[in-house]
C-alpha atoms as a PDB file:
ATOM      1  CA  UNK A   1     -40.448   1.148 -13.539  1.00  0.00           C
ATOM      2  CA  UNK A   2     -38.865  -2.286 -14.227  1.00  0.00           C
ATOM      3  CA  UNK A   3     -40.863  -4.737 -16.053  1.00  0.00           C
ATOM      4  CA  UNK A   4     -41.937  -8.011 -14.815  1.00  0.00           C
ATOM      5  CA  UNK A   5     -38.974 -10.577 -14.418  1.00  0.00           C
ATOM      6  CA  UNK A   6     -36.244  -8.269 -15.120  1.00  0.00           C
ATOM      7  CA  UNK A   7     -33.499  -7.738 -12.721  1.00  0.00           C
ATOM      8  CA  UNK A   8     -33.220  -4.213 -11.364  1.00  0.00           C
ATOM      9  CA  UNK A   9     -30.468  -2.915  -9.101  1.00  0.00           C
ATOM     10  CA  UNK A  10     -30.268   0.294  -6.877  1.00  0.00           C
ATOM     11  CA  UNK A  11     -26.494   1.012  -7.238  1.00  0.00           C
ATOM     12  CA  UNK A  12     -26.108   2.786  -4.389  1.00  0.00           C
ATOM     13  CA  UNK A  13     -27.374  -0.486  -2.412  1.00  0.00           C
ATOM     14  CA  UNK A  14     -25.368  -2.393  -4.262  1.00  0.00           C
ATOM     15  CA  UNK A  15     -22.421  -0.528  -3.676  1.00  0.00           C
ATOM     16  CA  UNK A  16     -23.204  -0.365   0.132  1.00  0.00           C
ATOM     17  CA  UNK A  17     -24.520  -4.258  -0.016  1.00  0.00           C
ATOM     18  CA  UNK A  18     -20.632  -4.956  -1.020  1.00  0.00           C
ATOM     19  CA  UNK A  19     -18.809  -2.926   1.449  1.00  0.00           C
ATOM     20  CA  UNK A  20     -20.624  -4.486   4.320  1.00  0.00           C
ATOM     21  CA  UNK A  21     -19.906  -7.659   3.296  1.00  0.00           C
ATOM     22  CA  UNK A  22     -16.204  -6.889   2.729  1.00  0.00           C
ATOM     23  CA  UNK A  23     -15.695  -4.774   5.931  1.00  0.00           C
ATOM     24  CA  UNK A  24     -15.934  -1.209   4.635  1.00  0.00           C
ATOM     25  CA  UNK A  25     -14.480   0.783   1.929  1.00  0.00           C
ATOM     26  CA  UNK A  26     -11.169   1.093   3.329  1.00  0.00           C
ATOM     27  CA  UNK A  27      -8.903  -1.533   4.747  1.00  0.00           C
ATOM     28  CA  UNK A  28      -6.896  -0.374   7.661  1.00  0.00           C
ATOM     29  CA  UNK A  29      -3.499  -1.763   8.362  1.00  0.00           C
ATOM     30  CA  UNK A  30      -2.048  -1.355  11.952  1.00  0.00           C
ATOM     31  CA  UNK A  31       1.790  -1.338  12.186  1.00  0.00           C
ATOM     32  CA  UNK A  32       3.974  -2.619  15.642  1.00  0.00           C
ATOM     33  CA  UNK A  33       3.701   0.801  17.036  1.00  0.00           C
ATOM     34  CA  UNK A  34      -0.227   0.526  16.866  1.00  0.00           C
ATOM     35  CA  UNK A  35      -0.613   3.563  14.150  1.00  0.00           C
ATOM     36  CA  UNK A  36      -3.162   3.345  11.630  1.00  0.00           C
ATOM     37  CA  UNK A  37      -3.243   3.615   7.859  1.00  0.00           C
ATOM     38  CA  UNK A  38      -6.127   3.131   5.199  1.00  0.00           C
ATOM     39  CA  UNK A  39      -6.104   2.393   1.447  1.00  0.00           C
ATOM     40  CA  UNK A  40      -9.015   1.778  -0.573  1.00  0.00           C
ATOM     41  CA  UNK A  41     -10.438  -1.538  -0.694  1.00  0.00           C
ATOM     42  CA  UNK A  42      -9.847  -3.006  -3.985  1.00  0.00           C
ATOM     43  CA  UNK A  43     -13.649  -3.350  -4.943  1.00  0.00           C
ATOM     44  CA  UNK A  44     -13.849   0.445  -4.396  1.00  0.00           C
ATOM     45  CA  UNK A  45     -10.449   1.816  -5.995  1.00  0.00           C
ATOM     46  CA  UNK A  46     -11.401   4.308  -8.654  1.00  0.00           C
ATOM     47  CA  UNK A  47     -10.076   4.059 -11.815  1.00  0.00           C
ATOM     48  CA  UNK A  48      -7.101   6.497 -11.413  1.00  0.00           C
ATOM     49  CA  UNK A  49      -5.411   4.827  -8.374  1.00  0.00           C
ATOM     50  CA  UNK A  50      -6.091   1.478 -10.227  1.00  0.00           C
ATOM     51  CA  UNK A  51      -4.633   2.734 -13.487  1.00  0.00           C
ATOM     52  CA  UNK A  52      -1.160   4.149 -11.257  1.00  0.00           C
ATOM     53  CA  UNK A  53      -1.043   0.650  -9.592  1.00  0.00           C
ATOM     54  CA  UNK A  54      -0.559  -1.225 -12.833  1.00  0.00           C
ATOM     55  CA  UNK A  55       1.803   1.974 -14.085  1.00  0.00           C
ATOM     56  CA  UNK A  56       4.086   1.204 -10.724  1.00  0.00           C
ATOM     57  CA  UNK A  57       7.291  -0.853 -10.608  1.00  0.00           C
ATOM     58  CA  UNK A  58       7.716  -3.232  -7.576  1.00  0.00           C
ATOM     59  CA  UNK A  59       6.190  -3.529  -4.050  1.00  0.00           C
ATOM     60  CA  UNK A  60       7.658  -0.491  -3.289  1.00  0.00           C
ATOM     61  CA  UNK A  61       6.020   1.905  -6.127  1.00  0.00           C
ATOM     62  CA  UNK A  62       2.865  -0.065  -5.726  1.00  0.00           C
ATOM     63  CA  UNK A  63       2.919   0.648  -1.969  1.00  0.00           C
ATOM     64  CA  UNK A  64       3.068   4.478  -2.314  1.00  0.00           C
ATOM     65  CA  UNK A  65       0.292   4.641  -4.943  1.00  0.00           C
ATOM     66  CA  UNK A  66      -1.936   2.950  -1.953  1.00  0.00           C
ATOM     67  CA  UNK A  67      -1.089   4.774   0.852  1.00  0.00           C
ATOM     68  CA  UNK A  68      -0.043   8.281  -0.752  1.00  0.00           C
ATOM     69  CA  UNK A  69       0.505  10.542   1.742  1.00  0.00           C
ATOM     70  CA  UNK A  70       0.415   8.258   4.226  1.00  0.00           C
ATOM     71  CA  UNK A  71       3.496   6.423   2.809  1.00  0.00           C
ATOM     72  CA  UNK A  72       6.422   8.288   4.851  1.00  0.00           C
ATOM     73  CA  UNK A  73       4.830   8.033   8.152  1.00  0.00           C
ATOM     74  CA  UNK A  74       3.902   4.261   7.669  1.00  0.00           C
ATOM     75  CA  UNK A  75       7.641   3.776   7.078  1.00  0.00           C
ATOM     76  CA  UNK A  76       8.569   5.840  10.122  1.00  0.00           C
ATOM     77  CA  UNK A  77       6.271   3.253  11.913  1.00  0.00           C
ATOM     78  CA  UNK A  78       8.236   0.506  10.989  1.00  0.00           C
ATOM     79  CA  UNK A  79       5.780  -0.627   7.712  1.00  0.00           C
ATOM     80  CA  UNK A  80       7.299  -2.095   4.610  1.00  0.00           C
ATOM     81  CA  UNK A  81       6.311  -2.197   0.958  1.00  0.00           C
ATOM     82  CA  UNK A  82       6.422  -6.177   0.866  1.00  0.00           C
ATOM     83  CA  UNK A  83       4.392  -6.079   4.099  1.00  0.00           C
ATOM     84  CA  UNK A  84       1.433  -3.792   2.679  1.00  0.00           C
ATOM     85  CA  UNK A  85       1.611  -5.654  -0.620  1.00  0.00           C
ATOM     86  CA  UNK A  86       0.630  -8.883   0.961  1.00  0.00           C
ATOM     87  CA  UNK A  87      -2.067  -7.258   2.853  1.00  0.00           C
ATOM     88  CA  UNK A  88      -3.676  -5.912  -0.325  1.00  0.00           C
ATOM     89  CA  UNK A  89      -3.130  -9.562  -1.849  1.00  0.00           C
ATOM     90  CA  UNK A  90      -4.858 -10.974   1.140  1.00  0.00           C
ATOM     91  CA  UNK A  91      -7.862  -8.685   0.622  1.00  0.00           C
ATOM     92  CA  UNK A  92      -7.985  -9.409  -2.927  1.00  0.00           C
ATOM     93  CA  UNK A  93      -8.356 -12.908  -2.438  1.00  0.00           C
ATOM     94  CA  UNK A  94     -10.717 -12.375   0.432  1.00  0.00           C
ATOM     95  CA  UNK A  95     -12.902 -10.029  -1.723  1.00  0.00           C
ATOM     96  CA  UNK A  96     -13.060 -12.810  -4.161  1.00  0.00           C
ATOM     97  CA  UNK A  97     -14.572 -15.680  -1.788  1.00  0.00           C
ATOM     98  CA  UNK A  98     -17.031 -12.760  -0.716  1.00  0.00           C
ATOM     99  CA  UNK A  99     -18.310 -11.796  -4.093  1.00  0.00           C
ATOM    100  CA  UNK A 100     -18.662 -15.358  -5.057  1.00  0.00           C
ATOM    101  CA  UNK A 101     -20.592 -15.925  -1.847  1.00  0.00           C
ATOM    102  CA  UNK A 102     -22.729 -12.733  -1.708  1.00  0.00           C
ATOM    103  CA  UNK A 103     -25.813 -11.583  -3.594  1.00  0.00           C
ATOM    104  CA  UNK A 104     -27.284  -7.682  -3.457  1.00  0.00           C
ATOM    105  CA  UNK A 105     -30.188  -5.926  -2.906  1.00  0.00           C
ATOM    106  CA  UNK A 106     -32.280  -6.087  -6.224  1.00  0.00           C
ATOM    107  CA  UNK A 107     -33.770  -2.792  -4.893  1.00  0.00           C
END
């Protein structure tokens, strides 16, 4: 039991609250041919993938890390690395705004 006046957060509730606030744990990208591809929302990207993103060179390298096994299909659908990275940057910027306004539940 927490002490009076102390903040206590339930991790699962906080994560769910932020996922709802930003539209989910995955980002969907639709190519012009109507196919949809996903990558983890920047708030929910695991440590390993973050390390791989930091180590990747250029938009192409980073986009490949984000999409993983979906990369070839994404490219065949008319997608491009620069476009995907623009989406990624937009999602990051939008989530910064959301995080500044959002207040997660305390339990």
